[in-house]
Amino acid sequence: MLRLAATAFAAFQLMSFSALASQCPSMAAAIDAALANADVTEEVRVQVIELRDQGMAAHEAGNHAESEALLGQAQALLPN
């Protein structure tokens, strides 16, 4: 019974990790789309692009928590 519970938990963690991993590119795409039409200063535009690029670099390195944090910071700089 314990082995079954451990296997189920491991499967759940793997599914959660996969969900996080696929969220990063979606966030980056949303940033790109919003930035294309955003009325922001050049300074803010540069900050958003830098954070987006750093976020995707973290994603590619496998650090999805850092990636989401950086991409979230980029999104926060854009108007809703």
PDB file of N, CA and C in Angstrom:
ATOM      1  N   MET A   1       0.828  -1.199   0.000  1.00  0.00           N
ATOM      2  CA  MET A   1       0.000   0.000   0.000  1.00  0.00           C
ATOM      3  C   MET A   1       0.867   1.257   0.000  1.00  0.00           C
ATOM      4  N   LEU A   2       1.928   1.229   0.795  1.00  0.00           N
ATOM      5  CA  LEU A   2       2.833   2.368   0.860  1.00  0.00           C
ATOM      6  C   LEU A   2       3.510   2.603  -0.483  1.00  0.00           C
ATOM      7  N   ARG A   3       3.878   1.527  -1.151  1.00  0.00           N
ATOM      8  CA  ARG A   3       4.522   1.638  -2.464  1.00  0.00           C
ATOM      9  C   ARG A   3       3.558   2.275  -3.470  1.00  0.00           C
ATOM     10  N   LEU A   4       2.301   1.907  -3.432  1.00  0.00           N
ATOM     11  CA  LEU A   4       1.297   2.473  -4.325  1.00  0.00           C
ATOM     12  C   LEU A   4       1.133   3.968  -4.075  1.00  0.00           C
ATOM     13  N   ALA A   5       1.102   4.357  -2.809  1.00  0.00           N
ATOM     14  CA  ALA A   5       0.977   5.774  -2.464  1.00  0.00           C
ATOM     15  C   ALA A   5       2.202   6.554  -2.936  1.00  0.00           C
ATOM     16  N   ALA A   6       3.381   5.995  -2.781  1.00  0.00           N
ATOM     17  CA  ALA A   6       4.611   6.658  -3.221  1.00  0.00           C
ATOM     18  C   ALA A   6       4.630   6.799  -4.735  1.00  0.00           C
ATOM     19  N   THR A   7       4.177   5.783  -5.448  1.00  0.00           N
ATOM     20  CA  THR A   7       4.126   5.835  -6.906  1.00  0.00           C
ATOM     21  C   THR A   7       3.132   6.891  -7.368  1.00  0.00           C
ATOM     22  N   ALA A   8       1.979   6.948  -6.737  1.00  0.00           N
ATOM     23  CA  ALA A   8       0.972   7.945  -7.088  1.00  0.00           C
ATOM     24  C   ALA A   8       1.493   9.352  -6.826  1.00  0.00           C
ATOM     25  N   PHE A   9       2.174   9.538  -5.716  1.00  0.00           N
ATOM     26  CA  PHE A   9       2.735  10.849  -5.388  1.00  0.00           C
ATOM     27  C   PHE A   9       3.787  11.257  -6.413  1.00  0.00           C
ATOM     28  N   ALA A  10       4.644  10.343  -6.799  1.00  0.00           N
ATOM     29  CA  ALA A  10       5.684  10.632  -7.795  1.00  0.00           C
ATOM     30  C   ALA A  10       5.057  10.991  -9.135  1.00  0.00           C
ATOM     31  N   ALA A  11       4.010  10.300  -9.518  1.00  0.00           N
ATOM     32  CA  ALA A  11       3.322  10.612 -10.775  1.00  0.00           C
ATOM     33  C   ALA A  11       2.699  11.999 -10.706  1.00  0.00           C
ATOM     34  N   PHE A  12       2.108  12.339  -9.578  1.00  0.00           N
ATOM     35  CA  PHE A  12       1.516  13.664  -9.412  1.00  0.00           C
ATOM     36  C   PHE A  12       2.580  14.753  -9.528  1.00  0.00           C
ATOM     37  N   GLN A  13       3.738  14.542  -8.899  1.00  0.00           N
ATOM     38  CA  GLN A  13       4.819  15.526  -8.981  1.00  0.00           C
ATOM     39  C   GLN A  13       5.287  15.694 -10.416  1.00  0.00           C
ATOM     40  N   LEU A  14       5.402  14.615 -11.141  1.00  0.00           N
ATOM     41  CA  LEU A  14       5.842  14.684 -12.534  1.00  0.00           C
ATOM     42  C   LEU A  14       4.838  15.461 -13.374  1.00  0.00           C
ATOM     43  N   MET A  15       3.554  15.231 -13.153  1.00  0.00           N
ATOM     44  CA  MET A  15       2.528  15.976 -13.897  1.00  0.00           C
ATOM     45  C   MET A  15       2.581  17.456 -13.542  1.00  0.00           C
ATOM     46  N   SER A  16       2.787  17.784 -12.281  1.00  0.00           N
ATOM     47  CA  SER A  16       2.872  19.175 -11.853  1.00  0.00           C
ATOM     48  C   SER A  16       4.074  19.856 -12.488  1.00  0.00           C
ATOM     49  N   PHE A  17       5.205  19.168 -12.528  1.00  0.00           N
ATOM     50  CA  PHE A  17       6.410  19.716 -13.131  1.00  0.00           C
ATOM     51  C   PHE A  17       6.187  19.974 -14.612  1.00  0.00           C
ATOM     52  N   SER A  18       5.527  19.065 -15.295  1.00  0.00           N
ATOM     53  CA  SER A  18       5.250  19.237 -16.715  1.00  0.00           C
ATOM     54  C   SER A  18       4.340  20.438 -16.950  1.00  0.00           C
ATOM     55  N   ALA A  19       3.382  20.646 -16.073  1.00  0.00           N
ATOM     56  CA  ALA A  19       2.481  21.790 -16.208  1.00  0.00           C
ATOM     57  C   ALA A  19       3.243  23.089 -16.047  1.00  0.00           C
ATOM     58  N   LEU A  20       4.146  23.147 -15.072  1.00  0.00           N
ATOM     59  CA  LEU A  20       4.952  24.353 -14.882  1.00  0.00           C
ATOM     60  C   LEU A  20       5.861  24.600 -16.073  1.00  0.00           C
ATOM     61  N   ALA A  21       6.453  23.553 -16.591  1.00  0.00           N
ATOM     62  CA  ALA A  21       7.392  23.686 -17.702  1.00  0.00           C
ATOM     63  C   ALA A  21       6.704  24.242 -18.932  1.00  0.00           C
ATOM     64  N   SER A  22       5.457  23.877 -19.165  1.00  0.00           N
ATOM     65  CA  SER A  22       4.773  24.363 -20.359  1.00  0.00           C
ATOM     66  C   SER A  22       4.163  25.738 -20.153  1.00  0.00           C
ATOM     67  N   GLN A  23       4.056  26.181 -18.922  1.00  0.00           N
ATOM     68  CA  GLN A  23       3.483  27.491 -18.648  1.00  0.00           C
ATOM     69  C   GLN A  23       4.443  28.614 -19.036  1.00  0.00           C
ATOM     70  N   CYS A  24       5.729  28.396 -18.927  1.00  0.00           N
ATOM     71  CA  CYS A  24       6.721  29.435 -19.204  1.00  0.00           C
ATOM     72  C   CYS A  24       6.634  29.952 -20.647  1.00  0.00           C
ATOM     73  N   PRO A  25       6.617  29.078 -21.658  1.00  0.00           N
ATOM     74  CA  PRO A  25       6.500  29.582 -23.026  1.00  0.00           C
ATOM     75  C   PRO A  25       5.188  30.327 -23.275  1.00  0.00           C
ATOM     76  N   SER A  26       4.126  29.886 -22.620  1.00  0.00           N
ATOM     77  CA  SER A  26       2.838  30.579 -22.758  1.00  0.00           C
ATOM     78  C   SER A  26       2.916  31.986 -22.170  1.00  0.00           C
ATOM     79  N   MET A  27       3.581  32.102 -21.037  1.00  0.00           N
ATOM     80  CA  MET A  27       3.746  33.423 -20.418  1.00  0.00           C
ATOM     81  C   MET A  27       4.588  34.332 -21.312  1.00  0.00           C
ATOM     82  N   ALA A  28       5.657  33.780 -21.894  1.00  0.00           N
ATOM     83  CA  ALA A  28       6.521  34.568 -22.776  1.00  0.00           C
ATOM     84  C   ALA A  28       5.751  35.025 -24.005  1.00  0.00           C
ATOM     85  N   ALA A  29       4.928  34.156 -24.565  1.00  0.00           N
ATOM     86  CA  ALA A  29       4.127  34.516 -25.735  1.00  0.00           C
ATOM     87  C   ALA A  29       3.133  35.620 -25.392  1.00  0.00           C
ATOM     88  N   ALA A  30       2.544  35.552 -24.206  1.00  0.00           N
ATOM     89  CA  ALA A  30       1.610  36.598 -23.774  1.00  0.00           C
ATOM     90  C   ALA A  30       2.332  37.927 -23.599  1.00  0.00           C
ATOM     91  N   ILE A  31       3.555  37.884 -23.089  1.00  0.00           N
ATOM     92  CA  ILE A  31       4.355  39.107 -22.939  1.00  0.00           C
ATOM     93  C   ILE A  31       4.658  39.689 -24.308  1.00  0.00           C
ATOM     94  N   ASP A  32       5.067  38.844 -25.246  1.00  0.00           N
ATOM     95  CA  ASP A  32       5.376  39.314 -26.601  1.00  0.00           C
ATOM     96  C   ASP A  32       4.157  39.989 -27.241  1.00  0.00           C
ATOM     97  N   ALA A  33       2.997  39.365 -27.097  1.00  0.00           N
ATOM     98  CA  ALA A  33       1.775  39.915 -27.680  1.00  0.00           C
ATOM     99  C   ALA A  33       1.402  41.246 -27.028  1.00  0.00           C
ATOM    100  N   ALA A  34       1.497  41.312 -25.721  1.00  0.00           N
ATOM    101  CA  ALA A  34       1.148  42.544 -25.009  1.00  0.00           C
ATOM    102  C   ALA A  34       2.142  43.657 -25.323  1.00  0.00           C
ATOM    103  N   LEU A  35       3.401  43.309 -25.437  1.00  0.00           N
ATOM    104  CA  LEU A  35       4.438  44.304 -25.697  1.00  0.00           C
ATOM    105  C   LEU A  35       4.302  44.899 -27.089  1.00  0.00           C
ATOM    106  N   ALA A  36       3.796  44.123 -28.027  1.00  0.00           N
ATOM    107  CA  ALA A  36       3.636  44.601 -29.400  1.00  0.00           C
ATOM    108  C   ALA A  36       2.699  45.811 -29.478  1.00  0.00           C
ATOM    109  N   ASN A  37       1.720  45.859 -28.573  1.00  0.00           N
ATOM    110  CA  ASN A  37       0.724  46.937 -28.605  1.00  0.00           C
ATOM    111  C   ASN A  37       0.766  47.838 -27.381  1.00  0.00           C
ATOM    112  N   ALA A  38       1.745  47.633 -26.512  1.00  0.00           N
ATOM    113  CA  ALA A  38       1.788  48.374 -25.254  1.00  0.00           C
ATOM    114  C   ALA A  38       2.280  49.804 -25.464  1.00  0.00           C
ATOM    115  N   ASP A  39       1.628  50.709 -24.769  1.00  0.00           N
ATOM    116  CA  ASP A  39       2.038  52.114 -24.775  1.00  0.00           C
ATOM    117  C   ASP A  39       2.900  52.335 -23.525  1.00  0.00           C
ATOM    118  N   VAL A  40       4.191  52.007 -23.672  1.00  0.00           N
ATOM    119  CA  VAL A  40       5.135  52.120 -22.559  1.00  0.00           C
ATOM    120  C   VAL A  40       6.371  52.877 -23.036  1.00  0.00           C
ATOM    121  N   THR A  41       7.119  53.380 -22.079  1.00  0.00           N
ATOM    122  CA  THR A  41       8.351  54.085 -22.415  1.00  0.00           C
ATOM    123  C   THR A  41       9.389  53.086 -22.941  1.00  0.00           C
ATOM    124  N   GLU A  42      10.396  53.606 -23.587  1.00  0.00           N
ATOM    125  CA  GLU A  42      11.462  52.746 -24.103  1.00  0.00           C
ATOM    126  C   GLU A  42      12.180  52.048 -22.939  1.00  0.00           C
ATOM    127  N   GLU A  43      12.320  52.746 -21.831  1.00  0.00           N
ATOM    128  CA  GLU A  43      12.963  52.156 -20.647  1.00  0.00           C
ATOM    129  C   GLU A  43      12.192  50.936 -20.149  1.00  0.00           C
ATOM    130  N   VAL A  44      10.887  51.057 -20.070  1.00  0.00           N
ATOM    131  CA  VAL A  44      10.054  49.941 -19.625  1.00  0.00           C
ATOM    132  C   VAL A  44      10.114  48.812 -20.656  1.00  0.00           C
ATOM    133  N   ARG A  45      10.071  49.159 -21.936  1.00  0.00           N
ATOM    134  CA  ARG A  45      10.142  48.150 -22.996  1.00  0.00           C
ATOM    135  C   ARG A  45      11.429  47.323 -22.858  1.00  0.00           C
ATOM    136  N   VAL A  46      12.551  48.001 -22.614  1.00  0.00           N
ATOM    137  CA  VAL A  46      13.838  47.315 -22.457  1.00  0.00           C
ATOM    138  C   VAL A  46      13.808  46.411 -21.224  1.00  0.00           C
ATOM    139  N   GLN A  47      13.237  46.906 -20.118  1.00  0.00           N
ATOM    140  CA  GLN A  47      13.148  46.093 -18.893  1.00  0.00           C
ATOM    141  C   GLN A  47      12.315  44.836 -19.129  1.00  0.00           C
ATOM    142  N   VAL A  48      11.192  45.002 -19.816  1.00  0.00           N
ATOM    143  CA  VAL A  48      10.308  43.865 -20.092  1.00  0.00           C
ATOM    144  C   VAL A  48      11.041  42.824 -20.936  1.00  0.00           C
ATOM    145  N   ILE A  49      11.723  43.279 -21.968  1.00  0.00           N
ATOM    146  CA  ILE A  49      12.445  42.355 -22.851  1.00  0.00           C
ATOM    147  C   ILE A  49      13.557  41.628 -22.091  1.00  0.00           C
ATOM    148  N   GLU A  50      14.282  42.363 -21.255  1.00  0.00           N
ATOM    149  CA  GLU A  50      15.351  41.730 -20.473  1.00  0.00           C
ATOM    150  C   GLU A  50      14.796  40.673 -19.517  1.00  0.00           C
ATOM    151  N   LEU A  51      13.718  41.010 -18.812  1.00  0.00           N
ATOM    152  CA  LEU A  51      13.105  40.051 -17.887  1.00  0.00           C
ATOM    153  C   LEU A  51      12.554  38.841 -18.633  1.00  0.00           C
ATOM    154  N   ARG A  52      11.942  39.080 -19.786  1.00  0.00           N
ATOM    155  CA  ARG A  52      11.403  37.989 -20.606  1.00  0.00           C
ATOM    156  C   ARG A  52      12.529  37.060 -21.039  1.00  0.00           C
ATOM    157  N   ASP A  53      13.618  37.639 -21.528  1.00  0.00           N
ATOM    158  CA  ASP A  53      14.754  36.828 -21.980  1.00  0.00           C
ATOM    159  C   ASP A  53      15.390  36.055 -20.826  1.00  0.00           C
ATOM    160  N   GLN A  54      15.521  36.693 -19.674  1.00  0.00           N
ATOM    161  CA  GLN A  54      16.069  36.013 -18.494  1.00  0.00           C
ATOM    162  C   GLN A  54      15.139  34.873 -18.057  1.00  0.00           C
ATOM    163  N   GLY A  55      13.841  35.138 -18.128  1.00  0.00           N
ATOM    164  CA  GLY A  55      12.863  34.116 -17.760  1.00  0.00           C
ATOM    165  C   GLY A  55      12.930  32.909 -18.669  1.00  0.00           C
ATOM    166  N   MET A  56      13.068  33.130 -19.950  1.00  0.00           N
ATOM    167  CA  MET A  56      13.155  32.006 -20.876  1.00  0.00           C
ATOM    168  C   MET A  56      14.488  31.278 -20.746  1.00  0.00           C
ATOM    169  N   ALA A  57      15.547  31.999 -20.415  1.00  0.00           N
ATOM    170  CA  ALA A  57      16.836  31.342 -20.168  1.00  0.00           C
ATOM    171  C   ALA A  57      16.723  30.429 -18.944  1.00  0.00           C
ATOM    172  N   ALA A  58      16.039  30.902 -17.908  1.00  0.00           N
ATOM    173  CA  ALA A  58      15.825  30.073 -16.714  1.00  0.00           C
ATOM    174  C   ALA A  58      14.978  28.856 -17.074  1.00  0.00           C
ATOM    175  N   HIS A  59      13.968  29.045 -17.904  1.00  0.00           N
ATOM    176  CA  HIS A  59      13.123  27.932 -18.356  1.00  0.00           C
ATOM    177  C   HIS A  59      13.967  26.884 -19.073  1.00  0.00           C
ATOM    178  N   GLU A  60      14.794  27.337 -19.992  1.00  0.00           N
ATOM    179  CA  GLU A  60      15.625  26.412 -20.764  1.00  0.00           C
ATOM    180  C   GLU A  60      16.650  25.696 -19.885  1.00  0.00           C
ATOM    181  N   ALA A  61      17.033  26.336 -18.784  1.00  0.00           N
ATOM    182  CA  ALA A  61      17.967  25.712 -17.834  1.00  0.00           C
ATOM    183  C   ALA A  61      17.247  24.766 -16.869  1.00  0.00           C
ATOM    184  N   GLY A  62      15.925  24.718 -16.964  1.00  0.00           N
ATOM    185  CA  GLY A  62      15.153  23.824 -16.102  1.00  0.00           C
ATOM    186  C   GLY A  62      14.710  24.438 -14.797  1.00  0.00           C
ATOM    187  N   ASN A  63      14.943  25.733 -14.601  1.00  0.00           N
ATOM    188  CA  ASN A  63      14.546  26.404 -13.365  1.00  0.00           C
ATOM    189  C   ASN A  63      13.214  27.122 -13.600  1.00  0.00           C
ATOM    190  N   HIS A  64      12.140  26.371 -13.514  1.00  0.00           N
ATOM    191  CA  HIS A  64      10.830  26.902 -13.877  1.00  0.00           C
ATOM    192  C   HIS A  64      10.257  27.859 -12.839  1.00  0.00           C
ATOM    193  N   ALA A  65      10.606  27.690 -11.597  1.00  0.00           N
ATOM    194  CA  ALA A  65      10.128  28.627 -10.571  1.00  0.00           C
ATOM    195  C   ALA A  65      10.745  30.003 -10.809  1.00  0.00           C
ATOM    196  N   GLU A  66      12.039  30.040 -11.072  1.00  0.00           N
ATOM    197  CA  GLU A  66      12.698  31.318 -11.368  1.00  0.00           C
ATOM    198  C   GLU A  66      12.150  31.908 -12.663  1.00  0.00           C
ATOM    199  N   SER A  67      11.932  31.056 -13.646  1.00  0.00           N
ATOM    200  CA  SER A  67      11.383  31.510 -14.919  1.00  0.00           C
ATOM    201  C   SER A  67      10.031  32.186 -14.730  1.00  0.00           C
ATOM    202  N   GLU A  68       9.149  31.533 -13.986  1.00  0.00           N
ATOM    203  CA  GLU A  68       7.827  32.116 -13.741  1.00  0.00           C
ATOM    204  C   GLU A  68       7.935  33.435 -12.984  1.00  0.00           C
ATOM    205  N   ALA A  69       8.843  33.516 -12.039  1.00  0.00           N
ATOM    206  CA  ALA A  69       9.008  34.755 -11.275  1.00  0.00           C
ATOM    207  C   ALA A  69       9.468  35.892 -12.188  1.00  0.00           C
ATOM    208  N   LEU A  70      10.450  35.625 -13.034  1.00  0.00           N
ATOM    209  CA  LEU A  70      10.956  36.662 -13.945  1.00  0.00           C
ATOM    210  C   LEU A  70       9.907  37.061 -14.976  1.00  0.00           C
ATOM    211  N   LEU A  71       9.211  36.074 -15.529  1.00  0.00           N
ATOM    212  CA  LEU A  71       8.170  36.384 -16.502  1.00  0.00           C
ATOM    213  C   LEU A  71       7.015  37.140 -15.839  1.00  0.00           C
ATOM    214  N   GLY A  72       6.721  36.815 -14.599  1.00  0.00           N
ATOM    215  CA  GLY A  72       5.695  37.557 -13.852  1.00  0.00           C
ATOM    216  C   GLY A  72       6.081  38.998 -13.635  1.00  0.00           C
ATOM    217  N   GLN A  73       7.361  39.240 -13.373  1.00  0.00           N
ATOM    218  CA  GLN A  73       7.841  40.621 -13.212  1.00  0.00           C
ATOM    219  C   GLN A  73       7.696  41.389 -14.519  1.00  0.00           C
ATOM    220  N   ALA A  74       7.997  40.720 -15.625  1.00  0.00           N
ATOM    221  CA  ALA A  74       7.855  41.360 -16.938  1.00  0.00           C
ATOM    222  C   ALA A  74       6.389  41.698 -17.201  1.00  0.00           C
ATOM    223  N   GLN A  75       5.490  40.782 -16.913  1.00  0.00           N
ATOM    224  CA  GLN A  75       4.068  41.024 -17.120  1.00  0.00           C
ATOM    225  C   GLN A  75       3.565  42.172 -16.256  1.00  0.00           C
ATOM    226  N   ALA A  76       4.087  42.276 -15.046  1.00  0.00           N
ATOM    227  CA  ALA A  76       3.636  43.329 -14.125  1.00  0.00           C
ATOM    228  C   ALA A  76       3.999  44.720 -14.626  1.00  0.00           C
ATOM    229  N   LEU A  77       5.002  44.819 -15.458  1.00  0.00           N
ATOM    230  CA  LEU A  77       5.403  46.127 -15.992  1.00  0.00           C
ATOM    231  C   LEU A  77       4.525  46.589 -17.149  1.00  0.00           C
ATOM    232  N   LEU A  78       3.759  45.677 -17.701  1.00  0.00           N
ATOM    233  CA  LEU A  78       2.909  46.007 -18.849  1.00  0.00           C
ATOM    234  C   LEU A  78       1.518  46.417 -18.383  1.00  0.00           C
ATOM    235  N   PRO A  79       0.905  47.361 -19.097  1.00  0.00           N
ATOM    236  CA  PRO A  79      -0.471  47.737 -18.742  1.00  0.00           C
ATOM    237  C   PRO A  79      -1.430  46.585 -19.030  1.00  0.00           C
ATOM    238  N   ASN A  80      -2.486  46.512 -18.258  1.00  0.00           N
ATOM    239  CA  ASN A  80      -3.467  45.431 -18.447  1.00  0.00           C
ATOM    240  C   ASN A  80      -4.238  45.590 -19.684  1.00  0.00           C
TER     241      ASN A  80
END
